[in-house]
């Protein structure tokens, strides 16, 4: 941010970026935001102060817009500005830009949120949906991380997974990868280079004509021994220890069901400590049943919609939403803790038809938790592919409050919370 004005008023002021990326406010222009394809005026109730760990970026070739004093929507001489939020904050509005004059090239895979200047302070259109100090960025990327990696490599020699996770820690700054080397909390264990879906917003593999993935996918199949050794090392005495199969640097972990199931059996023969979790699209029910029967504690199911047409358009998979439901039912019936990793985009999930579908889904399958994730994708690219709808938006706050009121048992947040009994 190049400067902040010294005057103070209650106007929610639009921001724009010049060609060098410097960000300015536009005096006398009220900030606009986007929900779906609609551009709206931001209200004070939409805003919270920009979190310390948030980042600002401008959207190239996306002209900024705002509302003039007479209420007319005007285009500004600069690019739209966005906030990228840390985990635990769910955006309620997208950045506004001139929808008739923008680049056809998709934006990189980030979770863009509307940002504005309000009462001389940067604010973002978002809700604080969870608190967990374990995921505070200040807890990671410390000066001694390389030394810790070297120590673990010495304690677990010739383990390709350790080398892979070390690369993820240093190159991609992956938090679950780093937790292995900090020897604490939730540590990721990628196992599968392949997937049974082609998600629009996949962060590890994208088709050439779309936007580049922000990280690379694992290229080998870890052995049962490699998986077991890391899992036992972490679970045996790390505080609040969780190992999680299914990371951003891999495909669908249930496709490695035989190796994961045998690893879980081996781990539980050596230690009862900690939790074993899998992050999965839950489409390969046969594989998940093997993993659950081996002793899985929790599953976090990636999902974007409870409507088959929307689900299919996003995941582009070789399985159906009914397969996902079968997997969830099997897990619930065996007392596995079930969370939904709900990929959230304002103007899509908070449409009335989507909300009603979720009410039916959660009535049929009373999962334990919904973890909200800001969907990392270019909104124009997303809405250009997803099925069209004329349903009205209820808004993010109404969407969440409706679920909370109808399902009092349901925990809504953003993080996995350690719950080993």
Protein backbone atom coordinates (compact mmCIF):
# COMPACT_ATOMS: atom_id res chain seq x y z
CA UNK A 1 0.00 0.00 0.00
CA UNK A 2 1.62 3.21 -1.09
CA UNK A 3 -0.26 5.62 1.13
CA UNK A 4 -3.30 6.12 3.34
CA UNK A 5 -5.30 9.33 3.42
CA UNK A 6 -5.22 11.45 6.56
CA UNK A 7 -8.85 12.47 6.44
CA UNK A 8 -11.42 10.50 8.36
CA UNK A 9 -15.02 9.81 7.36
CA UNK A 10 -17.51 6.99 7.27
CA UNK A 11 -17.49 6.54 3.52
CA UNK A 12 -16.39 3.10 2.37
CA UNK A 13 -13.89 4.18 -0.26
CA UNK A 14 -12.86 2.28 -3.37
CA UNK A 15 -9.27 1.21 -3.99
CA UNK A 16 -7.36 0.84 -7.24
CA UNK A 17 -3.83 -0.08 -8.32
CA UNK A 18 -1.63 1.72 -10.83
CA UNK A 19 0.37 -0.18 -13.50
CA UNK A 20 3.26 -0.70 -11.07
CA UNK A 21 0.98 -2.33 -8.53
CA UNK A 22 0.92 0.57 -6.07
CA UNK A 23 -2.46 0.82 -4.36
CA UNK A 24 -4.41 4.05 -3.82
CA UNK A 25 -7.82 5.08 -2.56
CA UNK A 26 -10.30 6.90 -4.83
CA UNK A 27 -11.72 9.88 -2.87
CA UNK A 28 -15.46 10.41 -3.21
CA UNK A 29 -15.91 7.00 -4.84
CA UNK A 30 -17.75 4.41 -2.76
CA UNK A 31 -16.40 0.87 -2.84
CA UNK A 32 -18.18 -1.76 -4.89
CA UNK A 33 -18.05 -5.52 -4.43
CA UNK A 34 -19.25 -8.55 -6.32
CA UNK A 35 -21.60 -11.42 -5.43
CA UNK A 36 -21.97 -13.80 -8.34
CA UNK A 37 -22.43 -11.56 -11.36
CA UNK A 38 -23.96 -8.68 -9.37
CA UNK A 39 -22.02 -5.56 -8.35
CA UNK A 40 -23.20 -4.07 -5.07
CA UNK A 41 -22.27 -1.23 -2.74
CA UNK A 42 -20.38 -2.40 0.35
CA UNK A 43 -22.00 -1.69 3.71
CA UNK A 44 -20.33 -1.27 7.13
CA UNK A 45 -21.92 -4.54 8.29
CA UNK A 46 -20.07 -6.35 5.50
CA UNK A 47 -16.64 -5.33 6.74
CA UNK A 48 -14.02 -6.33 9.28
CA UNK A 49 -10.54 -4.82 9.70
CA UNK A 50 -8.04 -6.45 7.35
CA UNK A 51 -6.32 -9.27 9.31
CA UNK A 52 -2.61 -8.81 9.95
CA UNK A 53 -1.72 -11.96 8.01
CA UNK A 54 -3.75 -10.98 4.92
CA UNK A 55 -2.10 -9.95 1.66
CA UNK A 56 -3.11 -7.37 -0.91
CA UNK A 57 -2.79 -7.88 -4.64
CA UNK A 58 -4.12 -6.22 -7.74
CA UNK A 59 -5.97 -8.00 -10.55
CA UNK A 60 -4.18 -7.38 -13.87
CA UNK A 61 -6.40 -6.22 -16.75
CA UNK A 62 -9.44 -6.03 -14.45
CA UNK A 63 -10.39 -2.32 -14.29
CA UNK A 64 -11.50 -1.18 -10.84
CA UNK A 65 -15.01 0.20 -10.38
CA UNK A 66 -16.90 2.10 -7.70
CA UNK A 67 -20.02 4.14 -7.10
CA UNK A 68 -19.96 7.90 -7.76
CA UNK A 69 -21.78 10.25 -5.33
CA UNK A 70 -24.85 10.16 -7.61
CA UNK A 71 -25.00 6.35 -7.36
CA UNK A 72 -23.66 5.67 -10.84
CA UNK A 73 -21.21 2.81 -11.24
CA UNK A 74 -18.01 4.20 -12.73
CA UNK A 75 -14.77 2.67 -13.97
CA UNK A 76 -11.56 3.91 -12.34
CA UNK A 77 -8.18 4.53 -13.93
CA UNK A 78 -6.50 1.49 -12.46
CA UNK A 79 -6.81 -2.21 -11.71
CA UNK A 80 -9.09 -3.80 -9.13
CA UNK A 81 -7.56 -4.66 -5.76
CA UNK A 82 -8.13 -7.82 -3.73
CA UNK A 83 -7.34 -9.16 -0.28
CA UNK A 84 -6.08 -12.72 0.14
CA UNK A 85 -7.18 -13.91 3.57
CA UNK A 86 -5.48 -16.25 6.02
CA UNK A 87 -7.25 -19.41 7.11
CA UNK A 88 -10.03 -18.78 9.60
CA UNK A 89 -11.58 -15.92 7.61
CA UNK A 90 -14.35 -16.54 5.08
CA UNK A 91 -14.97 -13.88 2.45
CA UNK A 92 -18.52 -12.65 1.86
CA UNK A 93 -17.91 -10.58 -1.29
CA UNK A 94 -15.61 -10.80 -4.30
CA UNK A 95 -13.62 -7.85 -5.69
CA UNK A 96 -15.58 -5.73 -8.14
CA UNK A 97 -14.24 -4.90 -11.59
CA UNK A 98 -15.57 -3.75 -14.94
CA UNK A 99 -17.27 -6.94 -16.14
CA UNK A 100 -17.34 -5.69 -19.74
CA UNK A 101 -13.64 -4.89 -20.02
CA UNK A 102 -11.35 -7.47 -18.49
CA UNK A 103 -8.76 -10.00 -19.53
CA UNK A 104 -9.84 -13.36 -20.93
CA UNK A 105 -6.83 -14.99 -19.29
CA UNK A 106 -7.81 -16.64 -15.97
CA UNK A 107 -6.36 -15.19 -12.82
CA UNK A 108 -4.00 -17.31 -10.68
CA UNK A 109 -5.57 -19.67 -8.14
CA UNK A 110 -6.16 -17.45 -5.12
CA UNK A 111 -9.18 -16.71 -2.95
CA UNK A 112 -9.96 -13.13 -3.97
CA UNK A 113 -11.91 -11.00 -1.47
CA UNK A 114 -13.30 -7.46 -1.70
CA UNK A 115 -11.25 -4.85 0.15
CA UNK A 116 -11.84 -1.15 0.80
CA UNK A 117 -10.82 1.81 2.93
CA UNK A 118 -13.15 2.54 5.84
CA UNK A 119 -12.52 5.00 8.70
CA UNK A 120 -8.89 5.38 7.60
CA UNK A 121 -8.24 1.67 7.87
CA UNK A 122 -8.21 -1.16 5.35
CA UNK A 123 -11.23 -3.44 5.70
CA UNK A 124 -12.25 -6.65 3.96
CA UNK A 125 -15.65 -8.15 3.25
CA UNK A 126 -15.34 -11.28 5.37
CA UNK A 127 -16.35 -13.16 8.51
CA UNK A 128 -14.01 -14.53 11.16
CA UNK A 129 -15.19 -18.14 11.17
CA UNK A 130 -12.62 -19.83 13.40
CA UNK A 131 -9.79 -19.21 15.85
CA UNK A 132 -6.85 -21.57 16.19
CA UNK A 133 -3.39 -20.38 17.14
CA UNK A 134 -1.92 -23.55 15.60
CA UNK A 135 -2.50 -22.14 12.11
CA UNK A 136 -1.19 -18.66 12.78
CA UNK A 137 1.49 -17.92 10.16
CA UNK A 138 3.76 -16.69 12.95
CA UNK A 139 4.09 -20.32 14.07
CA UNK A 140 5.79 -21.33 10.81
CA UNK A 141 8.82 -20.64 8.58
CA UNK A 142 11.07 -20.02 11.55
CA UNK A 143 14.81 -19.44 11.21
CA UNK A 144 15.54 -22.96 12.54
CA UNK A 145 13.29 -24.83 10.08
CA UNK A 146 16.20 -26.05 7.93
CA UNK A 147 17.97 -27.39 11.01
CA UNK A 148 14.82 -29.23 12.04
CA UNK A 149 14.49 -30.74 8.58
CA UNK A 150 18.08 -31.94 8.72
CA UNK A 151 17.43 -33.60 12.08
CA UNK A 152 14.34 -35.49 10.87
CA UNK A 153 16.18 -36.66 7.75
CA UNK A 154 18.82 -38.09 10.05
CA UNK A 155 16.23 -39.79 12.26
CA UNK A 156 14.27 -41.17 9.27
CA UNK A 157 17.02 -41.87 6.69
CA UNK A 158 16.32 -42.91 3.10
CA UNK A 159 12.64 -42.03 3.34
CA UNK A 160 11.45 -40.37 0.13
CA UNK A 161 8.42 -38.90 1.86
CA UNK A 162 10.65 -36.98 4.25
CA UNK A 163 12.51 -35.49 1.28
CA UNK A 164 9.24 -34.63 -0.45
CA UNK A 165 7.80 -32.94 2.66
CA UNK A 166 11.04 -31.04 3.18
CA UNK A 167 10.69 -29.65 -0.34
CA UNK A 168 7.04 -28.73 0.32
CA UNK A 169 8.07 -26.98 3.54
CA UNK A 170 10.79 -24.86 1.98
CA UNK A 171 9.47 -24.31 -1.55
CA UNK A 172 5.69 -24.08 -1.01
CA UNK A 173 5.75 -23.17 2.71
CA UNK A 174 3.14 -25.86 3.37
CA UNK A 175 2.06 -25.74 7.01
CA UNK A 176 1.11 -29.40 7.41
CA UNK A 177 4.42 -30.40 5.86
CA UNK A 178 6.31 -28.15 8.27
CA UNK A 179 4.48 -29.62 11.27
CA UNK A 180 6.29 -32.92 10.71
CA UNK A 181 9.61 -31.14 11.22
CA UNK A 182 8.31 -29.04 14.12
CA UNK A 183 7.05 -32.39 15.52
CA UNK A 184 3.61 -31.13 16.50
CA UNK A 185 -0.08 -30.98 15.57
CA UNK A 186 -1.37 -31.98 12.11
CA UNK A 187 1.25 -33.35 9.72
CA UNK A 188 0.48 -34.15 6.09
CA UNK A 189 1.29 -37.52 4.50
CA UNK A 190 0.84 -37.41 0.71
CA UNK A 191 0.56 -40.83 -0.91
CA UNK A 192 -1.15 -40.65 -4.30
CA UNK A 193 0.11 -39.11 -7.56
CA UNK A 194 -3.18 -39.95 -9.29
CA UNK A 195 -6.73 -38.66 -8.95
CA UNK A 196 -10.25 -39.64 -9.99
CA UNK A 197 -11.39 -36.03 -10.54
CA UNK A 198 -10.29 -32.98 -12.55
CA UNK A 199 -11.35 -30.18 -10.22
CA UNK A 200 -11.63 -26.71 -11.72
CA UNK A 201 -9.60 -25.29 -8.85
CA UNK A 202 -7.09 -28.12 -8.35
CA UNK A 203 -3.98 -26.64 -6.76
CA UNK A 204 -1.59 -29.41 -7.80
CA UNK A 205 -2.48 -30.16 -11.43
CA UNK A 206 -4.15 -27.94 -14.01
CA UNK A 207 -4.86 -28.28 -17.69
CA UNK A 208 -2.50 -26.24 -19.85
CA UNK A 209 -5.15 -23.82 -21.09
CA UNK A 210 -6.10 -22.76 -17.56
CA UNK A 211 -4.13 -21.10 -14.80
CA UNK A 212 -0.91 -22.64 -13.44
CA UNK A 213 -1.05 -24.71 -10.26
CA UNK A 214 0.62 -23.06 -7.26
CA UNK A 215 2.46 -26.26 -6.27
CA UNK A 216 3.60 -29.55 -7.78
CA UNK A 217 2.15 -33.00 -7.19
CA UNK A 218 4.01 -35.92 -5.65
CA UNK A 219 5.55 -38.09 -8.40
CA UNK A 220 6.07 -41.43 -6.65
CA UNK A 221 4.10 -44.03 -4.69
CA UNK A 222 5.38 -44.15 -1.09
CA UNK A 223 5.80 -47.63 0.32
CA UNK A 224 3.92 -48.95 3.33
CA UNK A 225 7.18 -48.79 5.28
CA UNK A 226 7.81 -45.14 4.37
CA UNK A 227 4.28 -44.16 5.38
CA UNK A 228 4.34 -46.20 8.59
CA UNK A 229 7.72 -44.87 9.75
CA UNK A 230 6.67 -41.23 9.43
CA UNK A 231 3.25 -41.81 11.00
CA UNK A 232 4.65 -43.62 14.03
CA UNK A 233 7.42 -41.04 14.40
CA UNK A 234 4.85 -38.24 14.54
CA UNK A 235 1.99 -39.83 16.44
CA UNK A 236 3.99 -41.50 19.18
CA UNK A 237 4.89 -38.35 21.11
CA UNK A 238 4.09 -35.16 19.19
CA UNK A 239 1.57 -32.93 21.02
CA UNK A 240 -2.01 -33.05 19.67
CA UNK A 241 -0.67 -35.23 16.90
CA UNK A 242 -2.64 -35.84 13.70
CA UNK A 243 -1.42 -37.41 10.49
CA UNK A 244 -3.46 -36.54 7.42
CA UNK A 245 -3.56 -38.36 4.13
CA UNK A 246 -4.74 -36.23 1.22
CA UNK A 247 -2.71 -33.07 0.79
CA UNK A 248 -2.60 -30.26 -1.75
CA UNK A 249 0.48 -31.83 -3.33
CA UNK A 250 -1.26 -35.06 -4.33
CA UNK A 251 -4.26 -36.55 -6.05
CA UNK A 252 -6.94 -38.65 -4.33
CA UNK A 253 -5.49 -40.64 -1.40
CA UNK A 254 -8.17 -43.34 -1.38
CA UNK A 255 -6.71 -44.56 -4.69
CA UNK A 256 -3.79 -45.72 -2.52
CA UNK A 257 -6.22 -47.54 -0.22
CA UNK A 258 -4.29 -50.80 0.12
CA UNK A 259 -1.06 -49.06 1.17
CA UNK A 260 -2.83 -46.60 3.47
CA UNK A 261 -4.96 -49.30 5.12
CA UNK A 262 -1.95 -51.52 5.79
CA UNK A 263 -0.02 -48.53 7.12
CA UNK A 264 -2.81 -47.69 9.55
CA UNK A 265 -2.84 -51.28 10.81
CA UNK A 266 0.95 -51.18 11.25
CA UNK A 267 0.81 -47.84 13.03
CA UNK A 268 -1.83 -48.95 15.50
CA UNK A 269 0.23 -52.02 16.33
CA UNK A 270 2.99 -49.68 17.46
CA UNK A 271 1.15 -46.75 19.04
CA UNK A 272 -2.43 -45.86 20.05
CA UNK A 273 -1.56 -42.17 20.24
CA UNK A 274 -2.85 -39.34 18.09
CA UNK A 275 -5.40 -39.20 15.31
CA UNK A 276 -5.34 -40.58 11.79
CA UNK A 277 -7.24 -38.43 9.28
CA UNK A 278 -7.85 -38.50 5.56
CA UNK A 279 -8.77 -35.58 3.30
CA UNK A 280 -10.68 -37.07 0.41
CA UNK A 281 -13.22 -36.37 -2.31
CA UNK A 282 -14.88 -39.57 -0.99
CA UNK A 283 -15.79 -40.77 -4.48
CA UNK A 284 -13.96 -44.11 -4.33
CA UNK A 285 -16.16 -45.79 -1.74
CA UNK A 286 -14.54 -49.23 -2.02
CA UNK A 287 -11.13 -47.79 -1.17
CA UNK A 288 -12.43 -45.63 1.67
CA UNK A 289 -14.16 -48.60 3.25
CA UNK A 290 -10.80 -50.38 3.47
CA UNK A 291 -9.19 -47.34 5.07
CA UNK A 292 -12.05 -46.83 7.53
CA UNK A 293 -12.06 -50.50 8.52
CA UNK A 294 -8.30 -50.34 9.15
CA UNK A 295 -8.85 -47.83 11.96
CA UNK A 296 -9.34 -44.33 10.53
CA UNK A 297 -10.33 -41.71 13.13
CA UNK A 298 -11.62 -38.87 10.94
CA UNK A 299 -12.35 -37.91 7.37
CA UNK A 300 -12.58 -34.45 5.82
CA UNK A 301 -14.57 -34.58 2.58
CA UNK A 302 -13.87 -31.97 -0.08
CA UNK A 303 -17.17 -30.79 -1.51
CA UNK A 304 -18.57 -27.73 -3.25
CA UNK A 305 -22.25 -28.47 -3.76
CA UNK A 306 -25.04 -30.80 -2.65
CA UNK A 307 -26.61 -30.55 -6.11
CA UNK A 308 -25.48 -33.20 -8.63
CA UNK A 309 -25.22 -30.87 -11.63
CA UNK A 310 -23.09 -28.33 -9.79
CA UNK A 311 -20.99 -31.05 -8.19
CA UNK A 312 -20.31 -32.76 -11.50
CA UNK A 313 -19.44 -29.50 -13.27
CA UNK A 314 -16.76 -28.66 -10.70
CA UNK A 315 -15.21 -32.07 -9.98
CA UNK A 316 -15.42 -33.56 -13.50
CA UNK A 317 -14.91 -36.96 -11.91
CA UNK A 318 -15.42 -40.64 -12.69
CA UNK A 319 -17.75 -40.99 -9.69
CA UNK A 320 -21.01 -39.35 -8.63
CA UNK A 321 -22.31 -37.35 -5.70
CA UNK A 322 -24.23 -40.47 -4.67
CA UNK A 323 -20.90 -42.29 -4.29
CA UNK A 324 -19.75 -39.49 -1.98
CA UNK A 325 -22.90 -39.86 0.08
CA UNK A 326 -22.36 -43.61 0.39
CA UNK A 327 -18.85 -43.03 1.68
CA UNK A 328 -20.03 -40.49 4.25
CA UNK A 329 -22.81 -42.79 5.42
CA UNK A 330 -20.33 -45.65 5.85
CA UNK A 331 -18.02 -43.42 7.91
CA UNK A 332 -20.83 -42.07 10.11
CA UNK A 333 -22.15 -45.57 10.78
CA UNK A 334 -18.70 -46.56 12.06
CA UNK A 335 -18.30 -43.54 14.34
CA UNK A 336 -15.67 -41.85 12.21
CA UNK A 337 -15.61 -38.08 12.75
CA UNK A 338 -16.83 -36.53 9.49
CA UNK A 339 -16.10 -32.97 8.35
CA UNK A 340 -17.04 -31.36 5.07
CA UNK A 341 -14.35 -29.21 3.51
CA UNK A 342 -16.81 -26.79 1.90
CA UNK A 343 -15.26 -24.85 -0.99
CA UNK A 344 -16.91 -21.46 -0.71
CA UNK A 345 -17.48 -18.73 -3.31
CA UNK A 346 -19.92 -15.83 -2.70
CA UNK A 347 -22.70 -15.85 -5.25
CA UNK A 348 -22.58 -19.60 -5.66
CA UNK A 349 -22.86 -21.50 -2.37
CA UNK A 350 -25.17 -18.85 -0.92
CA UNK A 351 -27.73 -19.14 -3.72
CA UNK A 352 -31.12 -20.29 -2.49
CA UNK A 353 -31.09 -23.51 -4.54
CA UNK A 354 -27.68 -24.44 -3.14
CA UNK A 355 -28.77 -23.67 0.43
CA UNK A 356 -31.90 -25.80 0.10
CA UNK A 357 -29.85 -28.67 -1.27
CA UNK A 358 -27.52 -28.43 1.73
CA UNK A 359 -30.46 -28.58 4.12
CA UNK A 360 -31.58 -31.84 2.50
CA UNK A 361 -28.01 -33.20 2.46
CA UNK A 362 -27.31 -32.47 6.13
CA UNK A 363 -30.70 -33.85 7.19
CA UNK A 364 -29.82 -37.13 5.45
CA UNK A 365 -26.17 -37.15 6.57
CA UNK A 366 -25.65 -35.47 9.97
CA UNK A 367 -21.93 -34.81 9.69
CA UNK A 368 -20.00 -33.42 12.64
CA UNK A 369 -18.50 -30.29 11.13
CA UNK A 370 -18.31 -27.97 8.12
CA UNK A 371 -14.90 -26.44 7.50
CA UNK A 372 -15.17 -23.40 5.25
CA UNK A 373 -12.50 -22.85 2.62
CA UNK A 374 -12.31 -19.84 0.33
CA UNK A 375 -12.28 -21.37 -3.14
CA UNK A 376 -9.06 -20.41 -4.92
CA UNK A 377 -10.18 -19.64 -8.46
CA UNK A 378 -10.89 -16.85 -10.93
CA UNK A 379 -14.61 -16.10 -10.40
CA UNK A 380 -15.17 -15.41 -14.12
CA UNK A 381 -13.60 -18.73 -15.07
CA UNK A 382 -15.69 -20.50 -12.42
CA UNK A 383 -19.06 -18.96 -13.32
CA UNK A 384 -18.34 -19.42 -17.02
CA UNK A 385 -18.24 -23.19 -16.59
CA UNK A 386 -20.70 -23.90 -13.78
CA UNK A 387 -24.43 -24.41 -14.53
CA UNK A 388 -26.36 -21.17 -14.82
CA UNK A 389 -29.00 -20.24 -12.26
CA UNK A 390 -31.44 -17.40 -11.72
CA UNK A 391 -31.85 -18.14 -8.02
CA UNK A 392 -31.31 -15.19 -5.68
CA UNK A 393 -28.42 -14.91 -3.25
CA UNK A 394 -29.17 -15.06 0.46
CA UNK A 395 -25.69 -13.84 1.38
CA UNK A 396 -22.89 -15.52 3.28
CA UNK A 397 -24.09 -14.56 6.76
CA UNK A 398 -27.63 -15.77 6.07
CA UNK A 399 -26.32 -18.98 4.53
CA UNK A 400 -24.28 -19.81 7.63
CA UNK A 401 -26.89 -18.72 10.16
CA UNK A 402 -29.54 -20.85 8.43
CA UNK A 403 -27.36 -23.96 8.74
CA UNK A 404 -26.51 -23.15 12.35
CA UNK A 405 -30.19 -22.74 13.28
CA UNK A 406 -31.39 -25.86 11.48
CA UNK A 407 -28.53 -28.10 12.64
CA UNK A 408 -27.57 -27.15 16.22
CA UNK A 409 -25.21 -30.13 16.50
CA UNK A 410 -23.19 -28.99 13.48
CA UNK A 411 -19.90 -27.23 14.18
CA UNK A 412 -19.03 -24.59 11.60
CA UNK A 413 -15.45 -23.37 11.43
CA UNK A 414 -12.33 -23.46 9.32
CA UNK A 415 -9.89 -25.86 11.02
CA UNK A 416 -9.62 -29.42 12.20
CA UNK A 417 -9.60 -29.32 15.99
CA UNK A 418 -7.85 -32.09 17.85
CA UNK A 419 -10.59 -34.26 19.39
CA UNK A 420 -8.92 -37.55 20.36
CA UNK A 421 -10.78 -38.93 23.35
